[in-house]
C-alpha atoms as a PDB file:
ATOM      1  CA  MET A   1    -148.968 -37.067  36.157  1.00  0.00           C
ATOM      2  CA  LEU A   2    -152.335 -37.003  34.410  1.00  0.00           C
ATOM      3  CA  PHE A   3    -153.058 -40.746  34.610  1.00  0.00           C
ATOM      4  CA  SER A   4    -151.533 -43.820  36.178  1.00  0.00           C
ATOM      5  CA  ALA A   5    -150.665 -46.836  34.031  1.00  0.00           C
ATOM      6  CA  GLN A   6    -153.519 -48.761  35.658  1.00  0.00           C
ATOM      7  CA  GLU A   7    -156.029 -46.049  34.785  1.00  0.00           C
ATOM      8  CA  LEU A   8    -154.906 -45.966  31.157  1.00  0.00           C
ATOM      9  CA  LEU A   9    -155.058 -49.763  30.937  1.00  0.00           C
ATOM     10  CA  LEU A  10    -158.580 -49.822  32.337  1.00  0.00           C
ATOM     11  CA  PHE A  11    -159.688 -47.179  29.877  1.00  0.00           C
ATOM     12  CA  ALA A  12    -158.021 -49.080  27.009  1.00  0.00           C
ATOM     13  CA  LEU A  13    -160.015 -52.194  27.965  1.00  0.00           C
ATOM     14  CA  ALA A  14    -163.229 -50.162  27.868  1.00  0.00           C
ATOM     15  CA  ALA A  15    -162.240 -48.866  24.429  1.00  0.00           C
ATOM     16  CA  LEU A  16    -161.549 -52.441  23.314  1.00  0.00           C
ATOM     17  CA  VAL A  17    -165.050 -53.491  24.320  1.00  0.00           C
ATOM     18  CA  LEU A  18    -166.430 -50.616  22.255  1.00  0.00           C
ATOM     19  CA  VAL A  19    -164.580 -51.550  19.083  1.00  0.00           C
ATOM     20  CA  LEU A  20    -165.311 -55.295  19.401  1.00  0.00           C
ATOM     21  CA  THR A  21    -169.043 -54.655  19.689  1.00  0.00           C
ATOM     22  CA  PRO A  22    -170.467 -54.987  16.160  1.00  0.00           C
ATOM     23  CA  GLY A  23    -171.477 -51.584  14.908  1.00  0.00           C
ATOM     24  CA  PRO A  24    -171.574 -49.311  11.848  1.00  0.00           C
ATOM     25  CA  ASN A  25    -167.825 -48.635  11.814  1.00  0.00           C
ATOM     26  CA  MET A  26    -166.833 -52.295  11.827  1.00  0.00           C
ATOM     27  CA  VAL A  27    -169.518 -53.270   9.299  1.00  0.00           C
ATOM     28  CA  TYR A  28    -168.574 -50.497   6.890  1.00  0.00           C
ATOM     29  CA  CYS A  29    -164.803 -51.019   7.021  1.00  0.00           C
ATOM     30  CA  VAL A  30    -164.978 -54.797   6.713  1.00  0.00           C
ATOM     31  CA  SER A  31    -167.564 -54.612   3.924  1.00  0.00           C
ATOM     32  CA  ARG A  32    -165.360 -52.229   1.952  1.00  0.00           C
ATOM     33  CA  SER A  33    -162.376 -54.500   2.446  1.00  0.00           C
ATOM     34  CA  LEU A  34    -164.357 -57.431   1.052  1.00  0.00           C
ATOM     35  CA  THR A  35    -165.757 -55.572  -1.944  1.00  0.00           C
ATOM     36  CA  GLN A  36    -162.707 -53.529  -2.961  1.00  0.00           C
ATOM     37  CA  GLY A  37    -159.772 -54.994  -1.075  1.00  0.00           C
ATOM     38  CA  PRO A  38    -157.821 -54.088   2.076  1.00  0.00           C
ATOM     39  CA  ARG A  39    -156.623 -50.771   0.632  1.00  0.00           C
ATOM     40  CA  ALA A  40    -160.209 -49.544   0.294  1.00  0.00           C
ATOM     41  CA  GLY A  41    -160.920 -50.772   3.817  1.00  0.00           C
ATOM     42  CA  LEU A  42    -157.958 -48.866   5.210  1.00  0.00           C
ATOM     43  CA  ILE A  43    -158.963 -45.678   3.359  1.00  0.00           C
ATOM     44  CA  SER A  44    -162.437 -46.050   4.843  1.00  0.00           C
ATOM     45  CA  LEU A  45    -160.848 -46.560   8.253  1.00  0.00           C
ATOM     46  CA  ALA A  46    -158.967 -43.282   7.836  1.00  0.00           C
ATOM     47  CA  GLY A  47    -162.331 -41.542   7.457  1.00  0.00           C
ATOM     48  CA  VAL A  48    -163.614 -43.348  10.540  1.00  0.00           C
ATOM     49  CA  VAL A  49    -160.589 -42.127  12.514  1.00  0.00           C
ATOM     50  CA  LEU A  50    -161.332 -38.540  11.467  1.00  0.00           C
ATOM     51  CA  GLY A  51    -164.861 -39.058  12.748  1.00  0.00           C
ATOM     52  CA  PHE A  52    -163.417 -40.173  16.080  1.00  0.00           C
ATOM     53  CA  LEU A  53    -161.400 -36.957  16.222  1.00  0.00           C
ATOM     54  CA  VAL A  54    -164.567 -34.889  15.739  1.00  0.00           C
ATOM     55  CA  HIS A  55    -166.344 -36.806  18.509  1.00  0.00           C
ATOM     56  CA  LEU A  56    -163.297 -36.382  20.724  1.00  0.00           C
ATOM     57  CA  LEU A  57    -163.110 -32.635  20.207  1.00  0.00           C
ATOM     58  CA  ALA A  58    -166.849 -32.347  20.842  1.00  0.00           C
ATOM     59  CA  ALA A  59    -166.502 -34.229  24.114  1.00  0.00           C
ATOM     60  CA  ALA A  60    -163.380 -32.332  25.159  1.00  0.00           C
ATOM     61  CA  LEU A  61    -165.032 -28.970  24.533  1.00  0.00           C
ATOM     62  CA  GLY A  62    -168.280 -29.899  26.225  1.00  0.00           C
ATOM     63  CA  LEU A  63    -170.496 -30.256  23.154  1.00  0.00           C
ATOM     64  CA  THR A  64    -171.417 -33.846  23.915  1.00  0.00           C
ATOM     65  CA  ALA A  65    -172.594 -32.769  27.358  1.00  0.00           C
ATOM     66  CA  LEU A  66    -174.688 -30.081  25.678  1.00  0.00           C
ATOM     67  CA  LEU A  67    -176.394 -32.684  23.501  1.00  0.00           C
ATOM     68  CA  ALA A  68    -177.213 -34.716  26.574  1.00  0.00           C
ATOM     69  CA  ALA A  69    -178.705 -31.639  28.242  1.00  0.00           C
ATOM     70  CA  VAL A  70    -180.947 -30.812  25.256  1.00  0.00           C
ATOM     71  CA  PRO A  71    -183.454 -33.690  24.935  1.00  0.00           C
ATOM     72  CA  VAL A  72    -184.566 -32.813  21.400  1.00  0.00           C
ATOM     73  CA  ALA A  73    -181.033 -32.843  19.980  1.00  0.00           C
ATOM     74  CA  PHE A  74    -180.075 -35.962  21.935  1.00  0.00           C
ATOM     75  CA  ASP A  75    -183.191 -37.853  20.864  1.00  0.00           C
ATOM     76  CA  ALA A  76    -182.791 -36.811  17.225  1.00  0.00           C
ATOM     77  CA  ILE A  77    -179.309 -38.330  17.086  1.00  0.00           C
ATOM     78  CA  ARG A  78    -180.442 -41.409  19.005  1.00  0.00           C
ATOM     79  CA  TYR A  79    -183.421 -42.080  16.722  1.00  0.00           C
ATOM     80  CA  ALA A  80    -181.379 -41.484  13.568  1.00  0.00           C
ATOM     81  CA  GLY A  81    -178.747 -43.927  14.783  1.00  0.00           C
ATOM     82  CA  ALA A  82    -181.382 -46.525  15.680  1.00  0.00           C
ATOM     83  CA  ALA A  83    -182.987 -46.207  12.239  1.00  0.00           C
ATOM     84  CA  TYR A  84    -179.601 -46.716  10.587  1.00  0.00           C
ATOM     85  CA  LEU A  85    -178.922 -49.837  12.657  1.00  0.00           C
ATOM     86  CA  LEU A  86    -182.354 -51.254  11.799  1.00  0.00           C
ATOM     87  CA  TRP A  87    -181.722 -50.636   8.105  1.00  0.00           C
ATOM     88  CA  MET A  88    -178.430 -52.545   8.293  1.00  0.00           C
ATOM     89  CA  ALA A  89    -180.108 -55.359  10.238  1.00  0.00           C
ATOM     90  CA  TRP A  90    -182.701 -55.679   7.459  1.00  0.00           C
ATOM     91  CA  GLN A  91    -179.957 -55.745   4.829  1.00  0.00           C
ATOM     92  CA  ALA A  92    -178.421 -58.702   6.656  1.00  0.00           C
ATOM     93  CA  VAL A  93    -181.553 -60.835   7.073  1.00  0.00           C
ATOM     94  CA  LYS A  94    -183.820 -59.885   4.143  1.00  0.00           C
ATOM     95  CA  PRO A  95    -184.489 -62.612   1.559  1.00  0.00           C
ATOM     96  CA  GLY A  96    -181.661 -62.625  -0.929  1.00  0.00           C
ATOM     97  CA  GLY A  97    -179.742 -60.130   1.154  1.00  0.00           C
ATOM     98  CA  ALA A  98    -176.033 -60.343   1.841  1.00  0.00           C
ATOM     99  CA  ALA A  99    -174.351 -60.147   5.216  1.00  0.00           C
ATOM    100  CA  PRO A 100    -171.745 -57.476   5.911  1.00  0.00           C
ATOM    101  CA  PHE A 101    -169.008 -60.134   5.939  1.00  0.00           C
ATOM    102  CA  LYS A 102    -170.029 -61.627   2.599  1.00  0.00           C
ATOM    103  CA  ALA A 103    -168.121 -60.547  -0.481  1.00  0.00           C
ATOM    104  CA  ARG A 104    -170.398 -59.142  -3.188  1.00  0.00           C
ATOM    105  CA  ASN A 105    -170.066 -57.320  -6.459  1.00  0.00           C
ATOM    106  CA  LEU A 106    -170.686 -53.615  -5.934  1.00  0.00           C
ATOM    107  CA  PRO A 107    -169.611 -50.532  -7.869  1.00  0.00           C
ATOM    108  CA  HIS A 108    -166.154 -49.487  -6.721  1.00  0.00           C
ATOM    109  CA  ASP A 109    -165.948 -46.059  -5.141  1.00  0.00           C
ATOM    110  CA  GLY A 110    -162.917 -43.818  -5.367  1.00  0.00           C
ATOM    111  CA  PRO A 111    -160.687 -42.927  -2.410  1.00  0.00           C
ATOM    112  CA  ARG A 112    -162.494 -39.640  -1.768  1.00  0.00           C
ATOM    113  CA  THR A 113    -165.902 -41.320  -1.524  1.00  0.00           C
ATOM    114  CA  LEU A 114    -164.532 -44.131   0.615  1.00  0.00           C
ATOM    115  CA  PHE A 115    -162.965 -41.652   3.016  1.00  0.00           C
ATOM    116  CA  LEU A 116    -166.060 -39.451   3.240  1.00  0.00           C
ATOM    117  CA  MET A 117    -168.390 -42.410   3.763  1.00  0.00           C
ATOM    118  CA  GLY A 118    -166.151 -43.712   6.531  1.00  0.00           C
ATOM    119  CA  PHE A 119    -166.154 -40.273   8.113  1.00  0.00           C
ATOM    120  CA  MET A 120    -169.938 -39.869   7.948  1.00  0.00           C
ATOM    121  CA  THR A 121    -170.553 -43.430   9.169  1.00  0.00           C
ATOM    122  CA  ASN A 122    -168.612 -42.677  12.337  1.00  0.00           C
ATOM    123  CA  LEU A 123    -169.815 -39.107  12.718  1.00  0.00           C
ATOM    124  CA  LEU A 124    -173.433 -40.348  12.830  1.00  0.00           C
ATOM    125  CA  ASN A 125    -172.592 -43.314  15.060  1.00  0.00           C
ATOM    126  CA  PRO A 126    -174.354 -42.671  18.398  1.00  0.00           C
ATOM    127  CA  LYS A 127    -172.404 -45.465  20.082  1.00  0.00           C
ATOM    128  CA  VAL A 128    -169.231 -43.374  19.903  1.00  0.00           C
ATOM    129  CA  ALA A 129    -170.853 -40.258  21.356  1.00  0.00           C
ATOM    130  CA  MET A 130    -172.401 -42.323  24.145  1.00  0.00           C
ATOM    131  CA  PHE A 131    -169.025 -43.925  24.900  1.00  0.00           C
ATOM    132  CA  TYR A 132    -167.370 -40.557  25.349  1.00  0.00           C
ATOM    133  CA  LEU A 133    -170.301 -39.242  27.373  1.00  0.00           C
ATOM    134  CA  SER A 134    -170.435 -42.303  29.640  1.00  0.00           C
ATOM    135  CA  PHE A 135    -166.756 -43.072  30.193  1.00  0.00           C
ATOM    136  CA  PHE A 136    -164.876 -39.798  30.008  1.00  0.00           C
ATOM    137  CA  PRO A 137    -166.349 -38.355  33.243  1.00  0.00           C
ATOM    138  CA  GLN A 138    -165.350 -41.507  35.120  1.00  0.00           C
ATOM    139  CA  PHE A 139    -161.678 -41.089  34.213  1.00  0.00           C
ATOM    140  CA  LEU A 140    -161.270 -37.318  34.401  1.00  0.00           C
ATOM    141  CA  HIS A 141    -159.706 -35.814  37.529  1.00  0.00           C
ATOM    142  CA  PRO A 142    -160.468 -32.093  37.976  1.00  0.00           C
ATOM    143  CA  GLU A 143    -158.130 -31.904  40.948  1.00  0.00           C
ATOM    144  CA  ARG A 144    -155.208 -32.754  38.684  1.00  0.00           C
ATOM    145  CA  GLY A 145    -155.976 -29.878  36.334  1.00  0.00           C
ATOM    146  CA  HIS A 146    -155.546 -29.761  32.537  1.00  0.00           C
ATOM    147  CA  LEU A 147    -158.977 -31.274  31.815  1.00  0.00           C
ATOM    148  CA  LEU A 148    -158.618 -30.637  28.101  1.00  0.00           C
ATOM    149  CA  LEU A 149    -155.285 -32.449  28.035  1.00  0.00           C
ATOM    150  CA  GLN A 150    -156.750 -35.307  30.048  1.00  0.00           C
ATOM    151  CA  SER A 151    -159.611 -35.645  27.555  1.00  0.00           C
ATOM    152  CA  LEU A 152    -157.249 -35.593  24.587  1.00  0.00           C
ATOM    153  CA  THR A 153    -155.060 -38.235  26.226  1.00  0.00           C
ATOM    154  CA  LEU A 154    -158.003 -40.562  26.782  1.00  0.00           C
ATOM    155  CA  GLY A 155    -159.166 -39.910  23.229  1.00  0.00           C
ATOM    156  CA  ALA A 156    -155.759 -40.820  21.853  1.00  0.00           C
ATOM    157  CA  VAL A 157    -155.890 -44.157  23.696  1.00  0.00           C
ATOM    158  CA  GLN A 158    -159.376 -44.904  22.407  1.00  0.00           C
ATOM    159  CA  ILE A 159    -158.652 -43.917  18.819  1.00  0.00           C
ATOM    160  CA  THR A 160    -155.402 -45.917  18.740  1.00  0.00           C
ATOM    161  CA  THR A 161    -157.173 -48.991  20.109  1.00  0.00           C
ATOM    162  CA  SER A 162    -160.031 -48.714  17.639  1.00  0.00           C
ATOM    163  CA  ALA A 163    -157.779 -48.079  14.642  1.00  0.00           C
ATOM    164  CA  ALA A 164    -155.534 -51.057  15.462  1.00  0.00           C
ATOM    165  CA  VAL A 165    -158.409 -53.522  15.927  1.00  0.00           C
ATOM    166  CA  ASN A 166    -160.291 -52.363  12.839  1.00  0.00           C
ATOM    167  CA  ALA A 167    -157.129 -52.498  10.733  1.00  0.00           C
ATOM    168  CA  LEU A 168    -156.612 -56.113  11.819  1.00  0.00           C
ATOM    169  CA  LEU A 169    -160.217 -56.974  10.914  1.00  0.00           C
ATOM    170  CA  ILE A 170    -159.813 -55.291   7.535  1.00  0.00           C
ATOM    171  CA  LEU A 171    -156.643 -57.229   6.737  1.00  0.00           C
ATOM    172  CA  CYS A 172    -158.214 -60.554   7.806  1.00  0.00           C
ATOM    173  CA  ALA A 173    -161.645 -59.939   6.261  1.00  0.00           C
ATOM    174  CA  ALA A 174    -160.910 -61.904   3.083  1.00  0.00           C
ATOM    175  CA  ARG A 175    -159.942 -65.031   5.034  1.00  0.00           C
ATOM    176  CA  VAL A 176    -163.057 -64.804   7.172  1.00  0.00           C
ATOM    177  CA  ALA A 177    -165.215 -64.341   4.076  1.00  0.00           C
ATOM    178  CA  LEU A 178    -163.567 -67.329   2.347  1.00  0.00           C
ATOM    179  CA  PHE A 179    -164.329 -69.539   5.336  1.00  0.00           C
ATOM    180  CA  LEU A 180    -167.933 -68.365   5.472  1.00  0.00           C
ATOM    181  CA  ASN A 181    -168.463 -68.808   1.734  1.00  0.00           C
ATOM    182  CA  ARG A 182    -167.256 -72.409   1.968  1.00  0.00           C
ATOM    183  CA  ASN A 183    -169.640 -73.137   4.836  1.00  0.00           C
ATOM    184  CA  ALA A 184    -173.234 -72.281   3.943  1.00  0.00           C
ATOM    185  CA  ALA A 185    -174.549 -72.993   7.437  1.00  0.00           C
ATOM    186  CA  TRP A 186    -172.001 -70.635   8.965  1.00  0.00           C
ATOM    187  CA  MET A 187    -172.913 -68.008   6.391  1.00  0.00           C
ATOM    188  CA  ARG A 188    -176.597 -68.177   7.296  1.00  0.00           C
ATOM    189  CA  ALA A 189    -175.815 -68.133  11.000  1.00  0.00           C
ATOM    190  CA  GLN A 190    -173.506 -65.146  10.512  1.00  0.00           C
ATOM    191  CA  ARG A 191    -176.197 -63.219   8.624  1.00  0.00           C
ATOM    192  CA  TYR A 192    -178.849 -63.761  11.283  1.00  0.00           C
ATOM    193  CA  PHE A 193    -176.407 -63.216  14.120  1.00  0.00           C
ATOM    194  CA  MET A 194    -175.324 -59.893  12.637  1.00  0.00           C
ATOM    195  CA  GLY A 195    -178.921 -58.870  11.978  1.00  0.00           C
ATOM    196  CA  THR A 196    -179.911 -59.789  15.535  1.00  0.00           C
ATOM    197  CA  VAL A 197    -177.010 -57.883  17.092  1.00  0.00           C
ATOM    198  CA  LEU A 198    -177.739 -54.782  15.022  1.00  0.00           C
ATOM    199  CA  GLY A 199    -181.431 -54.999  15.847  1.00  0.00           C
ATOM    200  CA  LEU A 200    -180.701 -55.310  19.570  1.00  0.00           C
ATOM    201  CA  LEU A 201    -178.369 -52.330  19.408  1.00  0.00           C
ATOM    202  CA  ALA A 202    -181.138 -50.316  17.745  1.00  0.00           C
ATOM    203  CA  LEU A 203    -183.639 -51.449  20.383  1.00  0.00           C
ATOM    204  CA  ARG A 204    -181.257 -50.438  23.151  1.00  0.00           C
ATOM    205  CA  LEU A 205    -180.854 -46.994  21.621  1.00  0.00           C
ATOM    206  CA  LEU A 206    -184.615 -46.560  21.340  1.00  0.00           C
ATOM    207  CA  THR A 207    -185.306 -47.649  24.931  1.00  0.00           C
ATOM    208  CA  GLU A 208    -182.273 -46.141  26.650  1.00  0.00           C
ATOM    209  CA  LYS A 209    -183.085 -43.281  28.957  1.00  0.00           C
ATOM    210  CA  LYS A 210    -180.931 -40.190  29.196  1.00  0.00           C
ATOM    211  CA  ALA A 211    -178.866 -40.340  32.352  1.00  0.00           C
ATOM    212  CA  ALA A 212    -180.024 -38.015  35.028  1.00  0.00           C
ATOM    213  CA  ALA A 213    -177.946 -34.912  35.465  1.00  0.00           C
END
């Protein structure tokens, strides 16, 4: 047996914390659902899931560990991710700006663009790479063998958890937006809360030290 039920449950809880933490994937999928409807949000989510698969394969084959061992490559990804988070934080709090959970009139993109943007949003999301790098080693058991299969099993749990939660957010996004639009104070609070969270995530990325080998 590769994992016990308790081990899988514990890992699933860690994956749940990851997906519930506001980040680029959630913001992008929910925003697309609000601007173009749930179908567009789900297409975007499909691209995000493909991004998860790339991260998973990188971790399973040791590429994520290689990035951690090469400071220049690791820092480049970390700084790019922090810059992206800061840009989204500014979009949320700038004068006249709209929050990610506020419906707004934007040009509608086709399925191909939606899918590719979802894919790239996740592919460049450093939070996902750091999750795999930080949590996978804690749950892998070399003495049980089949490390690649163990990694793929953990990845399947994480991807399933993330896809399910994001799909629920996408389907409920319109109701959340309607509530916020009817309550101006909540809308302002949501904008600044989202901007603050994104800014703190960027700050954490910029100040986080690479774990010692």
